[in-house]
Amino acid sequence: ATIATMAAPATEVLCLMNMVTPEELLDDEEYEEILEDVKEECSKHGRVKSIEIPRPYRGNVNAPGVGKIYVEYFSMGECAKATASLTGRKFANRVVVTSYFDPDKYHRREF
């Protein structure tokens, strides 16, 4: 079994870690650029339903989910494909870490 499947049961929501810093998310232009890059890259592996990139709230860099990127796919299979492809990839000289995320928490925005 891979690390991803042992960490959490497979879902259609992928959590990408170690890709963005709170500082990058504070800048509106940089935020939009990151969103576009993630959408483009993740769409290569399946149909992306939605993307959430929590941003620091009123300068609070420790707000829930800051530094993580959540990608919702239409199916678990597409999400699994993305996980297999993106784990260990480089993004802005950082190694991408992935895990599955609870869809209910995602929809409630409980990051």
PDB file of N, CA and C in Angstrom:
ATOM      1  N   ALA A   1       0.849  -1.204   0.000  1.00  0.00           N
ATOM      2  CA  ALA A   1       0.000   0.000   0.000  1.00  0.00           C
ATOM      3  C   ALA A   1       0.878   1.245   0.000  1.00  0.00           C
ATOM      4  N   THR A   2       0.403   2.274  -0.640  1.00  0.00           N
ATOM      5  CA  THR A   2       1.160   3.521  -0.663  1.00  0.00           C
ATOM      6  C   THR A   2       0.872   4.306   0.602  1.00  0.00           C
ATOM      7  N   ILE A   3       1.694   5.290   0.860  1.00  0.00           N
ATOM      8  CA  ILE A   3       1.515   6.137   2.033  1.00  0.00           C
ATOM      9  C   ILE A   3       0.144   6.799   1.995  1.00  0.00           C
ATOM     10  N   ALA A   4      -0.274   7.263   0.827  1.00  0.00           N
ATOM     11  CA  ALA A   4      -1.542   7.987   0.701  1.00  0.00           C
ATOM     12  C   ALA A   4      -2.727   7.124   1.135  1.00  0.00           C
ATOM     13  N   THR A   5      -2.738   5.854   0.761  1.00  0.00           N
ATOM     14  CA  THR A   5      -3.890   5.028   1.093  1.00  0.00           C
ATOM     15  C   THR A   5      -3.877   4.620   2.560  1.00  0.00           C
ATOM     16  N   MET A   6      -2.708   4.560   3.181  1.00  0.00           N
ATOM     17  CA  MET A   6      -2.648   4.205   4.595  1.00  0.00           C
ATOM     18  C   MET A   6      -3.075   5.387   5.461  1.00  0.00           C
ATOM     19  N   ALA A   7      -2.777   6.588   5.025  1.00  0.00           N
ATOM     20  CA  ALA A   7      -3.043   7.783   5.825  1.00  0.00           C
ATOM     21  C   ALA A   7      -4.528   8.036   6.024  1.00  0.00           C
ATOM     22  N   ALA A   8      -5.302   7.878   4.989  1.00  0.00           N
ATOM     23  CA  ALA A   8      -6.735   8.147   5.068  1.00  0.00           C
ATOM     24  C   ALA A   8      -7.442   7.374   3.970  1.00  0.00           C
ATOM     25  N   PRO A   9      -8.722   7.031   4.190  1.00  0.00           N
ATOM     26  CA  PRO A   9      -9.448   6.340   3.126  1.00  0.00           C
ATOM     27  C   PRO A   9      -9.578   7.240   1.898  1.00  0.00           C
ATOM     28  N   ALA A  10      -9.582   6.628   0.739  1.00  0.00           N
ATOM     29  CA  ALA A  10      -9.687   7.399  -0.500  1.00  0.00           C
ATOM     30  C   ALA A  10     -11.021   8.144  -0.564  1.00  0.00           C
ATOM     31  N   THR A  11     -10.952   9.386  -1.023  1.00  0.00           N
ATOM     32  CA  THR A  11     -12.156  10.196  -1.219  1.00  0.00           C
ATOM     33  C   THR A  11     -11.983  10.925  -2.549  1.00  0.00           C
ATOM     34  N   GLU A  12     -12.955  11.767  -2.897  1.00  0.00           N
ATOM     35  CA  GLU A  12     -12.809  12.549  -4.128  1.00  0.00           C
ATOM     36  C   GLU A  12     -12.170  13.917  -3.862  1.00  0.00           C
ATOM     37  N   VAL A  13     -11.784  14.167  -2.595  1.00  0.00           N
ATOM     38  CA  VAL A  13     -11.141  15.440  -2.269  1.00  0.00           C
ATOM     39  C   VAL A  13      -9.674  15.201  -1.919  1.00  0.00           C
ATOM     40  N   LEU A  14      -8.825  15.935  -2.605  1.00  0.00           N
ATOM     41  CA  LEU A  14      -7.380  15.824  -2.437  1.00  0.00           C
ATOM     42  C   LEU A  14      -6.871  17.053  -1.697  1.00  0.00           C
ATOM     43  N   CYS A  15      -6.009  16.829  -0.713  1.00  0.00           N
ATOM     44  CA  CYS A  15      -5.382  17.935   0.011  1.00  0.00           C
ATOM     45  C   CYS A  15      -3.909  17.965  -0.392  1.00  0.00           C
ATOM     46  N   LEU A  16      -3.488  19.104  -0.938  1.00  0.00           N
ATOM     47  CA  LEU A  16      -2.096  19.282  -1.349  1.00  0.00           C
ATOM     48  C   LEU A  16      -1.406  20.145  -0.300  1.00  0.00           C
ATOM     49  N   MET A  17      -0.265  19.672   0.182  1.00  0.00           N
ATOM     50  CA  MET A  17       0.464  20.407   1.210  1.00  0.00           C
ATOM     51  C   MET A  17       1.877  20.723   0.738  1.00  0.00           C
ATOM     52  N   ASN A  18       2.478  21.701   1.396  1.00  0.00           N
ATOM     53  CA  ASN A  18       3.850  22.110   1.116  1.00  0.00           C
ATOM     54  C   ASN A  18       3.983  22.775  -0.249  1.00  0.00           C
ATOM     55  N   MET A  19       2.897  23.376  -0.746  1.00  0.00           N
ATOM     56  CA  MET A  19       2.945  24.029  -2.057  1.00  0.00           C
ATOM     57  C   MET A  19       2.925  25.542  -1.969  1.00  0.00           C
ATOM     58  N   VAL A  20       2.263  26.077  -0.945  1.00  0.00           N
ATOM     59  CA  VAL A  20       2.125  27.526  -0.839  1.00  0.00           C
ATOM     60  C   VAL A  20       2.462  28.012   0.564  1.00  0.00           C
ATOM     61  N   THR A  21       2.911  29.261   0.649  1.00  0.00           N
ATOM     62  CA  THR A  21       3.195  29.872   1.942  1.00  0.00           C
ATOM     63  C   THR A  21       2.126  30.928   2.225  1.00  0.00           C
ATOM     64  N   PRO A  22       1.873  31.212   3.489  1.00  0.00           N
ATOM     65  CA  PRO A  22       0.885  32.250   3.824  1.00  0.00           C
ATOM     66  C   PRO A  22       1.214  33.585   3.143  1.00  0.00           C
ATOM     67  N   GLU A  23       2.500  33.896   3.035  1.00  0.00           N
ATOM     68  CA  GLU A  23       2.921  35.155   2.411  1.00  0.00           C
ATOM     69  C   GLU A  23       2.466  35.226   0.954  1.00  0.00           C
ATOM     70  N   GLU A  24       2.603  34.114   0.237  1.00  0.00           N
ATOM     71  CA  GLU A  24       2.180  34.078  -1.170  1.00  0.00           C
ATOM     72  C   GLU A  24       0.673  34.282  -1.292  1.00  0.00           C
ATOM     73  N   LEU A  25      -0.075  33.764  -0.316  1.00  0.00           N
ATOM     74  CA  LEU A  25      -1.530  33.842  -0.368  1.00  0.00           C
ATOM     75  C   LEU A  25      -2.062  35.229  -0.043  1.00  0.00           C
ATOM     76  N   LEU A  26      -1.259  36.052   0.624  1.00  0.00           N
ATOM     77  CA  LEU A  26      -1.685  37.411   0.966  1.00  0.00           C
ATOM     78  C   LEU A  26      -1.726  38.303  -0.268  1.00  0.00           C
ATOM     79  N   ASP A  27      -0.905  37.988  -1.262  1.00  0.00           N
ATOM     80  CA  ASP A  27      -0.811  38.773  -2.488  1.00  0.00           C
ATOM     81  C   ASP A  27      -1.898  38.313  -3.467  1.00  0.00           C
ATOM     82  N   ASP A  28      -2.834  39.201  -3.816  1.00  0.00           N
ATOM     83  CA  ASP A  28      -3.959  38.828  -4.685  1.00  0.00           C
ATOM     84  C   ASP A  28      -3.516  38.285  -6.039  1.00  0.00           C
ATOM     85  N   GLU A  29      -2.521  38.928  -6.642  1.00  0.00           N
ATOM     86  CA  GLU A  29      -2.045  38.481  -7.957  1.00  0.00           C
ATOM     87  C   GLU A  29      -1.434  37.100  -7.864  1.00  0.00           C
ATOM     88  N   GLU A  30      -0.622  36.896  -6.837  1.00  0.00           N
ATOM     89  CA  GLU A  30       0.031  35.608  -6.658  1.00  0.00           C
ATOM     90  C   GLU A  30      -1.007  34.519  -6.364  1.00  0.00           C
ATOM     91  N   TYR A  31      -2.018  34.866  -5.578  1.00  0.00           N
ATOM     92  CA  TYR A  31      -3.092  33.928  -5.250  1.00  0.00           C
ATOM     93  C   TYR A  31      -3.795  33.457  -6.523  1.00  0.00           C
ATOM     94  N   GLU A  32      -4.144  34.406  -7.401  1.00  0.00           N
ATOM     95  CA  GLU A  32      -4.819  34.065  -8.659  1.00  0.00           C
ATOM     96  C   GLU A  32      -3.932  33.171  -9.532  1.00  0.00           C
ATOM     97  N   GLU A  33      -2.644  33.474  -9.543  1.00  0.00           N
ATOM     98  CA  GLU A  33      -1.688  32.702 -10.336  1.00  0.00           C
ATOM     99  C   GLU A  33      -1.605  31.266  -9.819  1.00  0.00           C
ATOM    100  N   ILE A  34      -1.543  31.121  -8.492  1.00  0.00           N
ATOM    101  CA  ILE A  34      -1.478  29.793  -7.873  1.00  0.00           C
ATOM    102  C   ILE A  34      -2.741  29.014  -8.208  1.00  0.00           C
ATOM    103  N   LEU A  35      -3.893  29.663  -8.088  1.00  0.00           N
ATOM    104  CA  LEU A  35      -5.179  29.036  -8.389  1.00  0.00           C
ATOM    105  C   LEU A  35      -5.206  28.518  -9.827  1.00  0.00           C
ATOM    106  N   GLU A  36      -4.751  29.352 -10.769  1.00  0.00           N
ATOM    107  CA  GLU A  36      -4.715  28.949 -12.182  1.00  0.00           C
ATOM    108  C   GLU A  36      -3.772  27.769 -12.396  1.00  0.00           C
ATOM    109  N   ASP A  37      -2.571  27.842 -11.800  1.00  0.00           N
ATOM    110  CA  ASP A  37      -1.586  26.754 -11.941  1.00  0.00           C
ATOM    111  C   ASP A  37      -2.147  25.434 -11.422  1.00  0.00           C
ATOM    112  N   VAL A  38      -2.770  25.496 -10.252  1.00  0.00           N
ATOM    113  CA  VAL A  38      -3.314  24.286  -9.628  1.00  0.00           C
ATOM    114  C   VAL A  38      -4.448  23.723 -10.479  1.00  0.00           C
ATOM    115  N   LYS A  39      -5.331  24.592 -10.943  1.00  0.00           N
ATOM    116  CA  LYS A  39      -6.457  24.157 -11.778  1.00  0.00           C
ATOM    117  C   LYS A  39      -5.940  23.468 -13.046  1.00  0.00           C
ATOM    118  N   GLU A  40      -4.971  24.097 -13.687  1.00  0.00           N
ATOM    119  CA  GLU A  40      -4.404  23.554 -14.922  1.00  0.00           C
ATOM    120  C   GLU A  40      -3.744  22.200 -14.677  1.00  0.00           C
ATOM    121  N   GLU A  41      -2.911  22.110 -13.648  1.00  0.00           N
ATOM    122  CA  GLU A  41      -2.186  20.876 -13.357  1.00  0.00           C
ATOM    123  C   GLU A  41      -3.138  19.754 -12.929  1.00  0.00           C
ATOM    124  N   CYS A  42      -4.073  20.076 -12.057  1.00  0.00           N
ATOM    125  CA  CYS A  42      -4.986  19.049 -11.545  1.00  0.00           C
ATOM    126  C   CYS A  42      -5.978  18.571 -12.596  1.00  0.00           C
ATOM    127  N   SER A  43      -6.299  19.415 -13.559  1.00  0.00           N
ATOM    128  CA  SER A  43      -7.218  19.039 -14.628  1.00  0.00           C
ATOM    129  C   SER A  43      -6.622  17.998 -15.569  1.00  0.00           C
ATOM    130  N   LYS A  44      -5.312  17.837 -15.518  1.00  0.00           N
ATOM    131  CA  LYS A  44      -4.655  16.822 -16.360  1.00  0.00           C
ATOM    132  C   LYS A  44      -4.982  15.417 -15.874  1.00  0.00           C
ATOM    133  N   HIS A  45      -5.465  15.298 -14.638  1.00  0.00           N
ATOM    134  CA  HIS A  45      -5.683  13.986 -14.042  1.00  0.00           C
ATOM    135  C   HIS A  45      -7.151  13.614 -13.894  1.00  0.00           C
ATOM    136  N   GLY A  46      -8.024  14.581 -14.176  1.00  0.00           N
ATOM    137  CA  GLY A  46      -9.449  14.295 -14.051  1.00  0.00           C
ATOM    138  C   GLY A  46     -10.244  15.588 -14.061  1.00  0.00           C
ATOM    139  N   ARG A  47     -11.555  15.441 -13.910  1.00  0.00           N
ATOM    140  CA  ARG A  47     -12.440  16.607 -13.942  1.00  0.00           C
ATOM    141  C   ARG A  47     -12.510  17.249 -12.561  1.00  0.00           C
ATOM    142  N   VAL A  48     -11.995  18.468 -12.479  1.00  0.00           N
ATOM    143  CA  VAL A  48     -11.986  19.186 -11.208  1.00  0.00           C
ATOM    144  C   VAL A  48     -13.347  19.832 -10.985  1.00  0.00           C
ATOM    145  N   LYS A  49     -13.953  19.546  -9.846  1.00  0.00           N
ATOM    146  CA  LYS A  49     -15.270  20.090  -9.497  1.00  0.00           C
ATOM    147  C   LYS A  49     -15.106  21.446  -8.801  1.00  0.00           C
ATOM    148  N   SER A  50     -14.139  21.539  -7.884  1.00  0.00           N
ATOM    149  CA  SER A  50     -13.885  22.807  -7.197  1.00  0.00           C
ATOM    150  C   SER A  50     -12.502  22.795  -6.565  1.00  0.00           C
ATOM    151  N   ILE A  51     -12.013  23.995  -6.272  1.00  0.00           N
ATOM    152  CA  ILE A  51     -10.709  24.156  -5.619  1.00  0.00           C
ATOM    153  C   ILE A  51     -10.877  25.181  -4.503  1.00  0.00           C
ATOM    154  N   GLU A  52     -10.298  24.894  -3.355  1.00  0.00           N
ATOM    155  CA  GLU A  52     -10.292  25.841  -2.241  1.00  0.00           C
ATOM    156  C   GLU A  52      -8.847  26.051  -1.808  1.00  0.00           C
ATOM    157  N   ILE A  53      -8.450  27.296  -1.725  1.00  0.00           N
ATOM    158  CA  ILE A  53      -7.124  27.624  -1.196  1.00  0.00           C
ATOM    159  C   ILE A  53      -7.353  28.623  -0.061  1.00  0.00           C
ATOM    160  N   PRO A  54      -7.484  28.114   1.174  1.00  0.00           N
ATOM    161  CA  PRO A  54      -7.723  29.018   2.292  1.00  0.00           C
ATOM    162  C   PRO A  54      -6.616  30.072   2.404  1.00  0.00           C
ATOM    163  N   ARG A  55      -7.031  31.315   2.664  1.00  0.00           N
ATOM    164  CA  ARG A  55      -6.082  32.422   2.765  1.00  0.00           C
ATOM    165  C   ARG A  55      -6.022  32.937   4.203  1.00  0.00           C
ATOM    166  N   PRO A  56      -4.908  33.565   4.559  1.00  0.00           N
ATOM    167  CA  PRO A  56      -4.827  34.156   5.898  1.00  0.00           C
ATOM    168  C   PRO A  56      -5.972  35.147   6.080  1.00  0.00           C
ATOM    169  N   TYR A  57      -6.612  35.077   7.213  1.00  0.00           N
ATOM    170  CA  TYR A  57      -7.756  35.941   7.500  1.00  0.00           C
ATOM    171  C   TYR A  57      -7.299  37.097   8.375  1.00  0.00           C
ATOM    172  N   ARG A  58      -7.457  38.305   7.858  1.00  0.00           N
ATOM    173  CA  ARG A  58      -7.017  39.510   8.572  1.00  0.00           C
ATOM    174  C   ARG A  58      -5.582  39.377   9.070  1.00  0.00           C
ATOM    175  N   GLY A  59      -4.738  38.824   8.198  1.00  0.00           N
ATOM    176  CA  GLY A  59      -3.323  38.706   8.537  1.00  0.00           C
ATOM    177  C   GLY A  59      -2.981  37.524   9.422  1.00  0.00           C
ATOM    178  N   ASN A  60      -3.994  36.743   9.846  1.00  0.00           N
ATOM    179  CA  ASN A  60      -3.736  35.570  10.687  1.00  0.00           C
ATOM    180  C   ASN A  60      -3.255  34.418   9.813  1.00  0.00           C
ATOM    181  N   VAL A  61      -1.927  34.220   9.795  1.00  0.00           N
ATOM    182  CA  VAL A  61      -1.356  33.177   8.936  1.00  0.00           C
ATOM    183  C   VAL A  61      -1.637  31.781   9.484  1.00  0.00           C
ATOM    184  N   ASN A  62      -2.161  31.692  10.704  1.00  0.00           N
ATOM    185  CA  ASN A  62      -2.478  30.388  11.283  1.00  0.00           C
ATOM    186  C   ASN A  62      -3.964  30.042  11.160  1.00  0.00           C
ATOM    187  N   ALA A  63      -4.685  30.760  10.300  1.00  0.00           N
ATOM    188  CA  ALA A  63      -6.097  30.446  10.073  1.00  0.00           C
ATOM    189  C   ALA A  63      -6.199  28.999   9.561  1.00  0.00           C
ATOM    190  N   PRO A  64      -7.294  28.296   9.867  1.00  0.00           N
ATOM    191  CA  PRO A  64      -7.437  26.893   9.462  1.00  0.00           C
ATOM    192  C   PRO A  64      -7.235  26.682   7.956  1.00  0.00           C
ATOM    193  N   GLY A  65      -6.403  25.699   7.629  1.00  0.00           N
ATOM    194  CA  GLY A  65      -6.208  25.336   6.224  1.00  0.00           C
ATOM    195  C   GLY A  65      -5.208  26.185   5.466  1.00  0.00           C
ATOM    196  N   VAL A  66      -4.699  27.245   6.056  1.00  0.00           N
ATOM    197  CA  VAL A  66      -3.740  28.100   5.343  1.00  0.00           C
ATOM    198  C   VAL A  66      -2.471  27.294   5.052  1.00  0.00           C
ATOM    199  N   GLY A  67      -2.039  27.356   3.805  1.00  0.00           N
ATOM    200  CA  GLY A  67      -0.860  26.591   3.392  1.00  0.00           C
ATOM    201  C   GLY A  67      -1.233  25.278   2.721  1.00  0.00           C
ATOM    202  N   LYS A  68      -2.535  24.970   2.722  1.00  0.00           N
ATOM    203  CA  LYS A  68      -2.999  23.748   2.061  1.00  0.00           C
ATOM    204  C   LYS A  68      -3.890  24.129   0.887  1.00  0.00           C
ATOM    205  N   ILE A  69      -3.949  23.237  -0.094  1.00  0.00           N
ATOM    206  CA  ILE A  69      -4.809  23.444  -1.256  1.00  0.00           C
ATOM    207  C   ILE A  69      -5.720  22.224  -1.351  1.00  0.00           C
ATOM    208  N   TYR A  70      -7.012  22.473  -1.476  1.00  0.00           N
ATOM    209  CA  TYR A  70      -7.985  21.391  -1.558  1.00  0.00           C
ATOM    210  C   TYR A  70      -8.563  21.337  -2.963  1.00  0.00           C
ATOM    211  N   VAL A  71      -8.549  20.137  -3.552  1.00  0.00           N
ATOM    212  CA  VAL A  71      -9.063  19.962  -4.911  1.00  0.00           C
ATOM    213  C   VAL A  71     -10.128  18.876  -4.878  1.00  0.00           C
ATOM    214  N   GLU A  72     -11.330  19.245  -5.309  1.00  0.00           N
ATOM    215  CA  GLU A  72     -12.422  18.278  -5.354  1.00  0.00           C
ATOM    216  C   GLU A  72     -12.593  17.776  -6.785  1.00  0.00           C
ATOM    217  N   TYR A  73     -12.555  16.447  -6.931  1.00  0.00           N
ATOM    218  CA  TYR A  73     -12.771  15.821  -8.231  1.00  0.00           C
ATOM    219  C   TYR A  73     -14.185  15.254  -8.287  1.00  0.00           C
ATOM    220  N   PHE A  74     -14.633  14.929  -9.492  1.00  0.00           N
ATOM    221  CA  PHE A  74     -15.960  14.344  -9.661  1.00  0.00           C
ATOM    222  C   PHE A  74     -16.001  12.879  -9.234  1.00  0.00           C
ATOM    223  N   SER A  75     -14.832  12.214  -9.174  1.00  0.00           N
ATOM    224  CA  SER A  75     -14.825  10.808  -8.760  1.00  0.00           C
ATOM    225  C   SER A  75     -13.567  10.482  -7.963  1.00  0.00           C
ATOM    226  N   MET A  76     -13.653   9.396  -7.182  1.00  0.00           N
ATOM    227  CA  MET A  76     -12.499   8.939  -6.410  1.00  0.00           C
ATOM    228  C   MET A  76     -11.379   8.469  -7.324  1.00  0.00           C
ATOM    229  N   GLY A  77     -11.751   7.869  -8.451  1.00  0.00           N
ATOM    230  CA  GLY A  77     -10.743   7.376  -9.388  1.00  0.00           C
ATOM    231  C   GLY A  77      -9.880   8.502  -9.924  1.00  0.00           C
ATOM    232  N   GLU A  78     -10.515   9.607 -10.270  1.00  0.00           N
ATOM    233  CA  GLU A  78      -9.765  10.760 -10.774  1.00  0.00           C
ATOM    234  C   GLU A  78      -8.869  11.334  -9.682  1.00  0.00           C
ATOM    235  N   CYS A  79      -9.377  11.359  -8.468  1.00  0.00           N
ATOM    236  CA  CYS A  79      -8.619  11.866  -7.339  1.00  0.00           C
ATOM    237  C   CYS A  79      -7.395  10.967  -7.079  1.00  0.00           C
ATOM    238  N   ALA A  80      -7.601   9.661  -7.169  1.00  0.00           N
ATOM    239  CA  ALA A  80      -6.505   8.709  -6.951  1.00  0.00           C
ATOM    240  C   ALA A  80      -5.410   8.886  -8.003  1.00  0.00           C
ATOM    241  N   LYS A  81      -5.837   9.122  -9.245  1.00  0.00           N
ATOM    242  CA  LYS A  81      -4.885   9.356 -10.336  1.00  0.00           C
ATOM    243  C   LYS A  81      -4.038  10.599 -10.056  1.00  0.00           C
ATOM    244  N   ALA A  82      -4.702  11.659  -9.600  1.00  0.00           N
ATOM    245  CA  ALA A  82      -4.010  12.911  -9.280  1.00  0.00           C
ATOM    246  C   ALA A  82      -3.036  12.698  -8.126  1.00  0.00           C
ATOM    247  N   THR A  83      -3.480  11.958  -7.112  1.00  0.00           N
ATOM    248  CA  THR A  83      -2.629  11.679  -5.957  1.00  0.00           C
ATOM    249  C   THR A  83      -1.359  10.968  -6.395  1.00  0.00           C
ATOM    250  N   ALA A  84      -1.534   9.930  -7.224  1.00  0.00           N
ATOM    251  CA  ALA A  84      -0.386   9.159  -7.692  1.00  0.00           C
ATOM    252  C   ALA A  84       0.587  10.022  -8.481  1.00  0.00           C
ATOM    253  N   SER A  85       0.063  10.938  -9.263  1.00  0.00           N
ATOM    254  CA  SER A  85       0.899  11.766 -10.118  1.00  0.00           C
ATOM    255  C   SER A  85       1.550  12.945  -9.382  1.00  0.00           C
ATOM    256  N   LEU A  86       0.832  13.534  -8.426  1.00  0.00           N
ATOM    257  CA  LEU A  86       1.318  14.758  -7.792  1.00  0.00           C
ATOM    258  C   LEU A  86       2.195  14.545  -6.566  1.00  0.00           C
ATOM    259  N   THR A  87       2.053  13.413  -5.895  1.00  0.00           N
ATOM    260  CA  THR A  87       2.852  13.152  -4.701  1.00  0.00           C
ATOM    261  C   THR A  87       4.338  13.163  -5.055  1.00  0.00           C
ATOM    262  N   GLY A  88       5.091  13.973  -4.324  1.00  0.00           N
ATOM    263  CA  GLY A  88       6.534  14.025  -4.556  1.00  0.00           C
ATOM    264  C   GLY A  88       6.980  14.953  -5.670  1.00  0.00           C
ATOM    265  N   ARG A  89       6.026  15.545  -6.395  1.00  0.00           N
ATOM    266  CA  ARG A  89       6.366  16.495  -7.459  1.00  0.00           C
ATOM    267  C   ARG A  89       6.899  17.785  -6.857  1.00  0.00           C
ATOM    268  N   LYS A  90       7.633  18.537  -7.662  1.00  0.00           N
ATOM    269  CA  LYS A  90       8.150  19.822  -7.186  1.00  0.00           C
ATOM    270  C   LYS A  90       7.214  20.944  -7.623  1.00  0.00           C
ATOM    271  N   PHE A  91       6.968  21.882  -6.709  1.00  0.00           N
ATOM    272  CA  PHE A  91       6.188  23.085  -7.013  1.00  0.00           C
ATOM    273  C   PHE A  91       6.890  24.225  -6.290  1.00  0.00           C
ATOM    274  N   ALA A  92       7.391  25.185  -7.040  1.00  0.00           N
ATOM    275  CA  ALA A  92       8.136  26.317  -6.462  1.00  0.00           C
ATOM    276  C   ALA A  92       9.262  25.808  -5.547  1.00  0.00           C
ATOM    277  N   ASN A  93       9.997  24.812  -6.030  1.00  0.00           N
ATOM    278  CA  ASN A  93      11.120  24.214  -5.304  1.00  0.00           C
ATOM    279  C   ASN A  93      10.751  23.539  -3.988  1.00  0.00           C
ATOM    280  N   ARG A  94       9.466  23.234  -3.816  1.00  0.00           N
ATOM    281  CA  ARG A  94       9.040  22.495  -2.630  1.00  0.00           C
ATOM    282  C   ARG A  94       8.448  21.164  -3.098  1.00  0.00           C
ATOM    283  N   VAL A  95       8.645  20.127  -2.296  1.00  0.00           N
ATOM    284  CA  VAL A  95       8.122  18.805  -2.647  1.00  0.00           C
ATOM    285  C   VAL A  95       6.671  18.697  -2.175  1.00  0.00           C
ATOM    286  N   VAL A  96       5.787  18.358  -3.107  1.00  0.00           N
ATOM    287  CA  VAL A  96       4.355  18.277  -2.822  1.00  0.00           C
ATOM    288  C   VAL A  96       4.032  17.037  -1.987  1.00  0.00           C
ATOM    289  N   VAL A  97       3.246  17.243  -0.941  1.00  0.00           N
ATOM    290  CA  VAL A  97       2.752  16.163  -0.094  1.00  0.00           C
ATOM    291  C   VAL A  97       1.236  16.128  -0.291  1.00  0.00           C
ATOM    292  N   THR A  98       0.667  14.926  -0.418  1.00  0.00           N
ATOM    293  CA  THR A  98      -0.780  14.827  -0.652  1.00  0.00           C
ATOM    294  C   THR A  98      -1.450  13.933   0.381  1.00  0.00           C
ATOM    295  N   SER A  99      -2.732  14.159   0.596  1.00  0.00           N
ATOM    296  CA  SER A  99      -3.541  13.221   1.370  1.00  0.00           C
ATOM    297  C   SER A  99      -4.990  13.388   0.917  1.00  0.00           C
ATOM    298  N   TYR A 100      -5.785  12.377   1.209  1.00  0.00           N
ATOM    299  CA  TYR A 100      -7.215  12.494   0.918  1.00  0.00           C
ATOM    300  C   TYR A 100      -7.845  13.311   2.036  1.00  0.00           C
ATOM    301  N   PHE A 101      -8.968  13.960   1.723  1.00  0.00           N
ATOM    302  CA  PHE A 101      -9.625  14.795   2.725  1.00  0.00           C
ATOM    303  C   PHE A 101     -11.112  14.458   2.781  1.00  0.00           C
ATOM    304  N   ASP A 102     -11.674  14.518   3.967  1.00  0.00           N
ATOM    305  CA  ASP A 102     -13.082  14.194   4.189  1.00  0.00           C
ATOM    306  C   ASP A 102     -13.990  15.162   3.421  1.00  0.00           C
ATOM    307  N   PRO A 103     -14.785  14.650   2.458  1.00  0.00           N
ATOM    308  CA  PRO A 103     -15.650  15.522   1.648  1.00  0.00           C
ATOM    309  C   PRO A 103     -16.656  16.318   2.483  1.00  0.00           C
ATOM    310  N   ASP A 104     -17.170  15.715   3.563  1.00  0.00           N
ATOM    311  CA  ASP A 104     -18.124  16.437   4.407  1.00  0.00           C
ATOM    312  C   ASP A 104     -17.472  17.655   5.050  1.00  0.00           C
ATOM    313  N   LYS A 105     -16.272  17.459   5.575  1.00  0.00           N
ATOM    314  CA  LYS A 105     -15.532  18.579   6.165  1.00  0.00           C
ATOM    315  C   LYS A 105     -15.232  19.633   5.098  1.00  0.00           C
ATOM    316  N   TYR A 106     -14.882  19.165   3.906  1.00  0.00           N
ATOM    317  CA  TYR A 106     -14.577  20.084   2.801  1.00  0.00           C
ATOM    318  C   TYR A 106     -15.786  20.966   2.504  1.00  0.00           C
ATOM    319  N   HIS A 107     -16.947  20.371   2.392  1.00  0.00           N
ATOM    320  CA  HIS A 107     -18.153  21.136   2.056  1.00  0.00           C
ATOM    321  C   HIS A 107     -18.594  22.066   3.185  1.00  0.00           C
ATOM    322  N   ARG A 108     -18.212  21.705   4.417  1.00  0.00           N
ATOM    323  CA  ARG A 108     -18.506  22.577   5.559  1.00  0.00           C
ATOM    324  C   ARG A 108     -17.381  23.597   5.772  1.00  0.00           C
ATOM    325  N   ARG A 109     -16.365  23.520   4.913  1.00  0.00           N
ATOM    326  CA  ARG A 109     -15.190  24.386   5.004  1.00  0.00           C
ATOM    327  C   ARG A 109     -14.480  24.249   6.352  1.00  0.00           C
ATOM    328  N   GLU A 110     -14.419  23.021   6.849  1.00  0.00           N
ATOM    329  CA  GLU A 110     -13.697  22.750   8.099  1.00  0.00           C
ATOM    330  C   GLU A 110     -12.296  22.288   7.750  1.00  0.00           C
ATOM    331  N   PHE A 111     -11.445  23.250   7.495  1.00  0.00           N
ATOM    332  CA  PHE A 111     -10.077  22.914   7.084  1.00  0.00           C
ATOM    333  C   PHE A 111      -9.175  22.788   8.291  1.00  0.00           C
TER     334      PHE A 111
END
